[in-house]
Protein backbone atom coordinates (compact mmCIF):
# COMPACT_ATOMS: atom_id res chain seq x y z
CA MET A 1 -0.25 26.99 -4.04
CA LYS A 2 2.99 27.75 -2.21
CA LEU A 3 5.67 25.52 -3.69
CA ILE A 4 9.37 25.83 -2.92
CA ASP A 5 11.21 27.54 -5.78
CA PRO A 6 14.39 25.39 -5.72
CA ILE A 7 12.19 22.26 -5.87
CA ILE A 8 10.30 23.70 -8.85
CA GLN A 9 13.65 24.33 -10.53
CA PHE A 10 14.64 20.72 -9.77
CA HIS A 11 11.45 19.36 -11.36
CA ALA A 12 13.06 18.25 -14.62
CA GLU A 13 15.67 16.20 -12.76
CA LEU A 14 12.98 14.59 -10.58
CA GLN A 15 10.97 13.70 -13.68
CA LYS A 16 14.06 12.14 -15.23
CA ILE A 17 14.64 10.04 -12.10
CA ARG A 18 10.97 9.04 -11.89
CA ARG A 19 10.77 7.96 -15.50
CA ASP A 20 14.02 6.02 -15.28
CA ILE A 21 12.65 4.08 -12.31
CA HIS A 22 9.35 3.56 -14.15
CA ALA A 23 11.21 2.08 -17.11
CA HIS A 24 13.06 -0.39 -14.89
CA PRO A 25 10.47 -1.80 -12.44
CA GLU A 26 11.47 -4.43 -9.91
CA LEU A 27 9.27 -6.67 -7.78
CA CYS A 28 9.29 -6.99 -4.02
CA TYR A 29 12.68 -7.77 -2.48
CA GLU A 30 14.24 -7.62 -5.98
CA GLU A 31 14.65 -3.82 -6.05
CA HIS A 32 18.45 -3.93 -6.41
CA ARG A 33 18.75 -1.42 -9.27
CA THR A 34 16.18 0.90 -7.72
CA SER A 35 17.95 0.80 -4.35
CA GLU A 36 21.24 1.56 -6.07
CA VAL A 37 19.75 4.56 -7.89
CA VAL A 38 18.31 5.90 -4.62
CA ALA A 39 21.51 5.34 -2.63
CA GLN A 40 23.69 6.93 -5.31
CA LYS A 41 21.52 10.03 -5.44
CA LEU A 42 21.53 10.42 -1.66
CA GLN A 43 25.29 10.00 -1.46
CA GLU A 44 25.73 12.42 -4.36
CA TRP A 45 23.89 14.96 -2.18
CA ASP A 46 26.13 14.24 0.85
CA ILE A 47 23.45 12.30 2.70
CA PRO A 48 24.72 9.30 4.73
CA VAL A 49 22.98 6.06 3.76
CA ILE A 50 21.92 2.95 5.67
CA ARG A 51 21.34 -0.08 3.46
CA GLY A 52 20.10 -3.62 3.94
CA LEU A 53 17.08 -3.01 6.18
CA GLY A 54 14.35 -5.18 4.73
CA GLY A 55 16.88 -6.58 2.27
CA THR A 56 16.75 -3.86 -0.37
CA GLY A 57 15.65 -0.93 1.80
CA VAL A 58 17.56 2.37 1.85
CA VAL A 59 17.46 5.04 4.54
CA GLY A 60 19.02 8.49 4.16
CA VAL A 61 20.05 10.35 7.32
CA ILE A 62 19.84 14.15 7.14
CA LYS A 63 21.00 15.88 10.31
CA ASN A 64 21.18 19.50 11.35
CA GLY A 65 21.66 21.34 14.62
CA SER A 66 21.95 19.77 18.05
CA SER A 67 18.45 18.50 18.78
CA SER A 68 17.91 14.77 19.38
CA ARG A 69 14.44 14.98 17.82
CA ALA A 70 13.83 13.00 14.64
CA ILE A 71 11.14 12.33 12.06
CA GLY A 72 10.73 9.61 9.42
CA LEU A 73 9.40 10.12 5.87
CA ARG A 74 8.63 6.94 3.94
CA ALA A 75 8.23 6.04 0.25
CA ASP A 76 7.77 2.59 -1.29
CA ILE A 77 9.96 1.48 -4.19
CA ASP A 78 8.62 -1.83 -5.58
CA ALA A 79 6.55 -2.54 -8.70
CA LEU A 80 3.78 -5.00 -9.57
CA PRO A 81 3.82 -8.29 -11.53
CA MET A 82 1.81 -6.81 -14.42
CA GLN A 83 2.38 -6.33 -18.13
CA GLU A 84 2.35 -2.63 -19.02
CA ILE A 85 0.43 -1.75 -22.20
CA ASN A 86 1.69 1.83 -22.46
CA THR A 87 4.14 2.39 -25.30
CA PHE A 88 5.56 5.83 -24.47
CA PRO A 89 9.38 6.03 -24.16
CA HIS A 90 9.54 5.47 -20.40
CA ALA A 91 7.27 2.40 -20.43
CA SER A 92 8.53 -0.70 -18.64
CA LYS A 93 11.47 -2.46 -20.21
CA ASN A 94 11.04 -5.46 -17.91
CA GLU A 95 8.57 -8.02 -19.20
CA GLY A 96 5.70 -8.70 -16.83
CA LYS A 97 6.68 -5.95 -14.39
CA MET A 98 5.20 -2.48 -14.09
CA HIS A 99 5.05 0.54 -11.81
CA ALA A 100 1.26 0.52 -11.86
CA CYS A 101 0.81 1.98 -8.39
CA GLY A 102 3.04 5.06 -8.57
CA HIS A 103 5.84 3.92 -6.31
CA ASP A 104 8.24 5.40 -8.85
CA GLY A 105 6.63 8.77 -8.21
CA HIS A 106 6.62 8.29 -4.44
CA THR A 107 10.35 7.57 -4.60
CA ALA A 108 11.04 10.62 -6.77
CA MET A 109 9.01 12.96 -4.53
CA LEU A 110 10.92 11.86 -1.45
CA LEU A 111 14.23 12.18 -3.29
CA GLY A 112 13.23 15.71 -4.22
CA ALA A 113 12.60 16.51 -0.57
CA ALA A 114 15.89 14.89 0.46
CA HIS A 115 17.79 16.97 -2.09
CA TYR A 116 16.32 20.22 -0.79
CA LEU A 117 16.70 19.31 2.89
CA SER A 118 20.34 18.35 2.38
CA GLN A 119 21.10 21.72 0.78
CA HIS A 120 19.13 24.02 3.08
CA ARG A 121 18.76 22.23 6.45
CA GLN A 122 16.30 24.69 7.93
CA PHE A 123 15.42 22.43 10.84
CA ASP A 124 16.89 21.22 14.12
CA GLY A 125 17.18 17.45 14.43
CA THR A 126 17.23 14.48 12.07
CA VAL A 127 15.12 13.59 9.05
CA TYR A 128 15.19 9.93 8.07
CA VAL A 129 14.09 9.42 4.45
CA ILE A 130 12.94 5.79 4.27
CA PHE A 131 12.80 4.00 0.91
CA GLN A 132 10.94 0.78 1.65
CA PRO A 133 10.85 -2.36 -0.48
CA ALA A 134 8.07 -4.88 -0.93
CA GLU A 135 4.90 -2.96 -0.17
CA GLU A 136 2.97 -4.93 -2.79
CA GLY A 137 2.23 -8.03 -0.72
CA GLY A 138 5.71 -8.56 0.68
CA GLY A 139 5.32 -6.76 3.99
CA GLY A 140 8.51 -4.76 3.50
CA ALA A 141 7.57 -2.31 6.26
CA ARG A 142 7.42 -5.13 8.77
CA ARG A 143 10.73 -6.52 7.50
CA MET A 144 12.45 -3.16 7.91
CA ILE A 145 11.12 -2.88 11.46
CA GLU A 146 12.25 -6.43 12.28
CA ASP A 147 15.69 -5.60 10.88
CA GLY A 148 15.99 -2.69 13.32
CA LEU A 149 14.68 0.36 11.46
CA PHE A 150 13.43 2.12 14.57
CA ASP A 151 16.41 0.97 16.63
CA GLN A 152 19.01 2.26 14.21
CA CYS A 153 16.90 5.28 13.31
CA PRO A 154 15.12 6.38 16.49
CA MET A 155 12.31 8.74 15.52
CA GLU A 156 9.34 10.30 17.24
CA ALA A 157 6.92 9.87 14.36
CA VAL A 158 6.74 8.49 10.83
CA PHE A 159 4.75 9.72 7.82
CA GLY A 160 3.69 8.27 4.46
CA MET A 161 1.97 9.40 1.26
CA HIS A 162 0.28 7.76 -1.74
CA ASN A 163 -0.93 9.21 -5.03
CA TRP A 164 -4.69 8.93 -5.56
CA PRO A 165 -6.11 8.74 -9.10
CA GLY A 166 -9.41 10.54 -9.57
CA ALA A 167 -8.53 13.23 -7.05
CA GLU A 168 -7.59 16.60 -8.54
CA VAL A 169 -3.91 17.43 -8.86
CA GLY A 170 -2.97 19.89 -6.13
CA THR A 171 -5.32 18.34 -3.59
CA PHE A 172 -4.67 16.23 -0.50
CA GLY A 173 -6.91 13.86 1.43
CA VAL A 174 -6.58 12.37 4.89
CA THR A 175 -8.68 11.29 7.84
CA PRO A 176 -7.87 10.53 11.47
CA GLY A 177 -8.33 6.95 12.62
CA PRO A 178 -8.80 4.05 10.17
CA MET A 179 -7.96 5.15 6.63
CA MET A 180 -7.11 1.87 4.91
CA ALA A 181 -8.31 -1.63 5.64
CA SER A 182 -6.77 -4.76 7.02
CA SER A 183 -5.98 -7.23 4.23
CA ASN A 184 -6.52 -10.96 4.79
CA GLU A 185 -6.87 -14.06 2.62
CA PHE A 186 -8.67 -17.35 3.15
CA PHE A 187 -8.06 -20.75 1.57
CA VAL A 188 -10.75 -23.35 2.35
CA THR A 189 -10.89 -26.91 1.05
CA VAL A 190 -14.08 -28.95 1.39
CA LYS A 191 -13.21 -32.65 1.40
CA GLY A 192 -16.06 -34.85 0.26
CA LYS A 193 -16.36 -38.17 -1.55
CA GLY A 194 -16.27 -38.36 -5.31
CA SER A 195 -18.38 -40.57 -7.53
CA HIS A 196 -19.83 -40.93 -10.99
CA ALA A 197 -22.12 -37.96 -11.67
CA ALA A 198 -24.89 -40.43 -12.60
CA GLN A 199 -24.72 -41.87 -9.08
CA PRO A 200 -24.71 -38.80 -6.82
CA HIS A 201 -26.17 -40.81 -3.92
CA LYS A 202 -22.82 -42.56 -3.61
CA SER A 203 -20.98 -39.26 -3.14
CA VAL A 204 -20.53 -36.55 -0.56
CA ASP A 205 -20.68 -33.71 -3.05
CA PRO A 206 -18.11 -31.06 -2.02
CA ILE A 207 -19.50 -28.55 -4.51
CA MET A 208 -22.91 -28.47 -2.86
CA VAL A 209 -21.23 -28.11 0.53
CA ALA A 210 -19.04 -25.29 -0.78
CA VAL A 211 -22.10 -23.50 -2.16
CA GLN A 212 -23.86 -23.74 1.19
CA ILE A 213 -20.78 -22.39 2.97
CA ALA A 214 -20.38 -19.54 0.47
CA GLN A 215 -23.97 -18.39 0.91
CA SER A 216 -23.92 -18.71 4.68
CA TRP A 217 -20.70 -16.72 5.03
CA GLN A 218 -22.49 -13.61 3.76
CA THR A 219 -24.72 -13.68 6.84
CA ILE A 220 -21.61 -12.87 8.88
CA ILE A 221 -21.55 -9.44 7.24
CA SER A 222 -25.30 -8.88 7.43
CA ARG A 223 -26.18 -10.57 10.73
CA ASN A 224 -23.13 -11.15 12.96
CA LYS A 225 -21.17 -7.90 12.90
CA SER A 226 -22.60 -4.57 13.95
CA PRO A 227 -24.11 -2.56 11.08
CA LEU A 228 -21.90 0.31 12.25
CA ASP A 229 -18.73 -1.69 11.59
CA THR A 230 -17.34 -2.04 8.08
CA ALA A 231 -16.16 -5.31 6.59
CA VAL A 232 -15.95 -7.03 3.21
CA LEU A 233 -15.94 -10.78 2.61
CA SER A 234 -15.35 -11.59 -1.05
CA ILE A 235 -15.09 -15.10 -2.44
CA THR A 236 -12.97 -14.59 -5.53
CA GLN A 237 -12.29 -18.19 -6.60
CA ILE A 238 -14.16 -21.52 -6.50
CA HIS A 239 -12.35 -24.54 -7.90
CA ALA A 240 -13.70 -28.08 -8.23
CA GLY A 241 -13.77 -30.97 -10.65
CA SER A 242 -12.26 -31.67 -14.05
CA ALA A 243 -14.95 -33.58 -15.97
CA THR A 244 -18.67 -33.15 -16.67
CA ASN A 245 -19.55 -36.65 -15.49
CA VAL A 246 -17.50 -36.80 -12.29
CA ILE A 247 -18.38 -35.50 -8.85
CA ALA A 248 -15.07 -34.32 -7.44
CA ASP A 249 -13.49 -35.33 -4.15
CA ASP A 250 -12.96 -31.77 -3.02
CA ALA A 251 -13.75 -28.12 -3.71
CA LYS A 252 -11.77 -25.00 -2.89
CA LEU A 253 -12.95 -21.54 -1.82
CA VAL A 254 -10.49 -18.64 -1.95
CA GLY A 255 -10.93 -14.95 -1.29
CA THR A 256 -10.28 -11.90 0.85
CA VAL A 257 -11.59 -10.31 4.02
CA ARG A 258 -11.19 -6.59 4.70
CA GLY A 259 -12.03 -4.48 7.73
CA PHE A 260 -10.98 -1.42 9.69
CA THR A 261 -10.50 -3.01 13.13
CA THR A 262 -8.79 -6.14 14.38
CA GLU A 263 -11.87 -6.97 16.46
CA VAL A 264 -14.06 -7.17 13.34
CA ILE A 265 -11.50 -9.36 11.55
CA ASP A 266 -11.38 -11.65 14.61
CA LEU A 267 -15.17 -11.98 14.51
CA VAL A 268 -15.31 -12.66 10.78
CA GLU A 269 -12.56 -15.29 10.92
CA SER A 270 -14.16 -17.06 13.88
CA ARG A 271 -17.60 -17.20 12.28
CA MET A 272 -16.21 -18.27 8.90
CA ARG A 273 -14.43 -21.17 10.51
CA ALA A 274 -17.45 -22.26 12.56
CA ILE A 275 -19.84 -22.05 9.61
CA ALA A 276 -17.46 -23.95 7.32
CA GLU A 277 -16.76 -26.74 9.83
CA HIS A 278 -20.36 -27.25 10.96
CA THR A 279 -21.84 -27.02 7.46
CA ALA A 280 -19.36 -29.60 6.21
CA ALA A 281 -20.12 -31.88 9.15
CA ALA A 282 -23.86 -31.63 8.48
CA PHE A 283 -23.29 -33.02 4.98
CA GLY A 284 -20.78 -35.66 6.05
CA ALA A 285 -17.79 -33.78 4.66
CA GLU A 286 -14.67 -32.34 6.23
CA VAL A 287 -13.06 -28.94 5.82
CA GLU A 288 -9.54 -27.56 5.87
CA PHE A 289 -9.64 -23.89 6.87
CA LYS A 290 -6.75 -21.45 6.47
CA PHE A 291 -7.01 -17.73 7.21
CA LYS A 292 -3.93 -15.65 6.42
CA ARG A 293 -3.56 -12.20 7.97
CA ASN A 294 -1.50 -9.96 5.72
CA TYR A 295 -1.65 -6.26 6.63
CA PRO A 296 -3.36 -4.75 9.68
CA PRO A 297 -5.67 -1.73 9.36
CA LEU A 298 -3.87 1.53 8.65
CA VAL A 299 -4.87 3.83 11.50
CA ASN A 300 -3.78 7.47 11.49
CA HIS A 301 -2.97 9.05 14.84
CA ALA A 302 -5.17 12.05 15.64
CA LYS A 303 -2.45 14.50 16.72
CA GLU A 304 -0.17 13.75 13.78
CA THR A 305 -3.11 13.87 11.36
CA ALA A 306 -4.07 17.36 12.55
CA PHE A 307 -0.46 18.40 12.14
CA CYS A 308 -0.37 17.08 8.55
CA VAL A 309 -3.61 18.88 7.72
CA ASP A 310 -2.07 22.18 8.82
CA VAL A 311 1.02 21.53 6.69
CA MET A 312 -1.04 20.57 3.63
CA ARG A 313 -3.19 23.67 3.96
CA GLY A 314 -0.04 25.76 4.09
CA VAL A 315 1.11 24.25 0.80
CA VAL A 316 -2.08 24.08 -1.31
CA GLY A 317 -4.67 26.12 0.64
CA ASP A 318 -7.69 25.19 2.75
CA ALA A 319 -10.01 24.44 -0.17
CA LYS A 320 -7.62 21.82 -1.60
CA VAL A 321 -7.43 19.70 1.57
CA ASP A 322 -10.08 17.12 2.49
CA ALA A 323 -9.50 16.43 6.19
CA GLN A 324 -12.25 13.78 6.31
CA VAL A 325 -11.58 11.82 3.15
CA GLU A 326 -13.50 8.58 2.72
CA PRO A 327 -11.44 5.58 3.90
CA THR A 328 -10.67 2.84 1.39
CA MET A 329 -10.83 -0.94 1.61
CA GLY A 330 -7.42 -1.07 -0.05
CA ALA A 331 -4.53 -2.05 2.22
CA GLU A 332 -1.06 -0.66 2.89
CA ASP A 333 1.83 -2.11 4.88
CA PHE A 334 2.69 1.35 6.21
CA ALA A 335 0.13 0.19 8.78
CA PHE A 336 2.95 -1.73 10.50
CA MET A 337 4.93 1.48 10.95
CA LEU A 338 1.90 3.24 12.39
CA GLN A 339 1.50 0.39 14.88
CA ALA A 340 5.06 1.01 16.05
CA LYS A 341 5.18 4.81 15.91
CA PRO A 342 2.77 7.75 15.88
CA GLY A 343 2.23 9.15 12.42
CA CYS A 344 -0.06 9.78 9.49
CA TYR A 345 -0.61 8.59 5.93
CA VAL A 346 -2.09 10.95 3.31
CA PHE A 347 -3.36 10.85 -0.28
CA ILE A 348 -2.17 13.28 -2.95
CA GLY A 349 -4.38 13.77 -6.02
CA ASN A 350 -3.07 12.18 -9.25
CA GLY A 351 -5.78 13.54 -11.59
CA GLU A 352 -7.93 11.69 -14.11
CA GLY A 353 -5.18 10.63 -16.50
CA GLU A 354 -5.02 13.54 -18.92
CA HIS A 355 -1.34 13.97 -18.05
CA ARG A 356 -0.30 10.74 -19.74
CA ASP A 357 2.06 10.96 -22.69
CA ILE A 358 1.14 9.94 -26.22
CA GLY A 359 1.33 6.17 -26.37
CA HIS A 360 -0.50 5.45 -23.15
CA GLY A 361 -2.91 2.54 -23.01
CA LEU A 362 -6.60 3.10 -23.60
CA GLY A 363 -7.56 1.94 -20.13
CA PRO A 364 -8.18 4.24 -17.16
CA CYS A 365 -5.36 5.80 -15.19
CA ASN A 366 -6.26 3.79 -12.09
CA LEU A 367 -3.97 2.07 -9.64
CA HIS A 368 -3.02 -1.48 -10.66
CA ASN A 369 -4.18 -0.84 -14.24
CA PRO A 370 -1.86 -1.58 -17.21
CA SER A 371 -2.58 1.91 -18.62
CA TYR A 372 -1.58 3.75 -15.42
CA ASP A 373 1.19 6.33 -15.20
CA PHE A 374 2.18 8.61 -12.33
CA ASN A 375 1.49 12.31 -12.86
CA ASP A 376 4.81 14.18 -12.87
CA ASP A 377 3.03 17.43 -11.97
CA LEU A 378 2.84 15.99 -8.44
CA LEU A 379 6.60 15.86 -7.99
CA PRO A 380 7.17 19.43 -6.73
CA ILE A 381 3.89 19.37 -4.77
CA GLY A 382 4.72 16.17 -2.91
CA ALA A 383 8.34 17.16 -2.36
CA THR A 384 7.28 20.54 -0.98
CA TYR A 385 4.83 18.84 1.39
CA TRP A 386 7.58 16.56 2.69
CA VAL A 387 9.93 19.47 3.24
CA ARG A 388 7.37 21.64 5.03
CA LEU A 389 6.33 18.65 7.15
CA ALA A 390 9.90 17.98 8.27
CA GLU A 391 10.75 21.65 8.80
CA SER A 392 7.58 22.28 10.81
CA TYR A 393 7.98 19.16 12.92
CA LEU A 394 11.64 19.91 13.65
CA ALA A 395 11.27 23.69 13.85
CA LYS A 396 14.15 25.49 15.52
CA SER A 397 13.21 26.73 18.99
């Protein structure tokens, strides 16, 4: 492993920053303290700062030389609405809020890279370090773009990184093309006719209609889409009724749809709607159908992915880089940035959880788990990757 010595020497400071952010988690668009910490550090290192993009977003501008070329490096800064069960000293001090996805570590790794780049500037052009709010369901990437991120910070390409529990520390994973899924939600209400449960013939039972719809929807996955395309349709909630002797007036179906292409999501939505409406009509009921598209598929660009693979191999060696990692049905709003600019998103191994301090919860060290904690051993690895990526991309001619 070829880590940068000054970054290794800065490890203790990065850990201090990371753990401070972990102890003070903030939810999407509420990251005021976190943004202030990031901005103060950047300014302390003589890095000009742009604030306000996406509300609480922060962008550091690191320039060197005369080239007009530029690259963007992005980290997310928000936490999750979860109660942390860890009790070590840096556990969350904010009730019901937790850095359970490692955004504290992502922020610290990018700050480590910014610190080194500001001191050494061994590149020709501009590095924009992007600290994005509201990744966890708030679409902060889209908000930053709408607020003029790529207008105020013109860049050729943009890159992202996420820690990955279960993967060995010191390893990276990436794949060209779709790497993370589109995230969508549906909210369907079947409107029937209630009655006494002892007189079902006087009702239009919305529960029976909902059950028929739920079963039929699964044929979309098995019979409508190509077997070569990947999609998930999960009904995660069914709500109806309030008494054992009453047939309710309506029933609700709620859940998520995931896929790697917009075309597949279009197909699934269309068939869901048709099945729901026609099934309801067959039983004499009506249906209200809502399909909410949240994040598009995250699709890595081939050229930029190959470039990242070369950089990763230079940092950790060939054997530690999986250049065809299995895509995940999880979603990421960095997808919006990759729709607007070429770029690549990579995974960095977070280990199995043995790194956690005494006082950690007994649950697994998985993302979105109340026992999770970011592995501080990643800080110099991730920061080195960011630096080598920027330096290689903006190499002096």
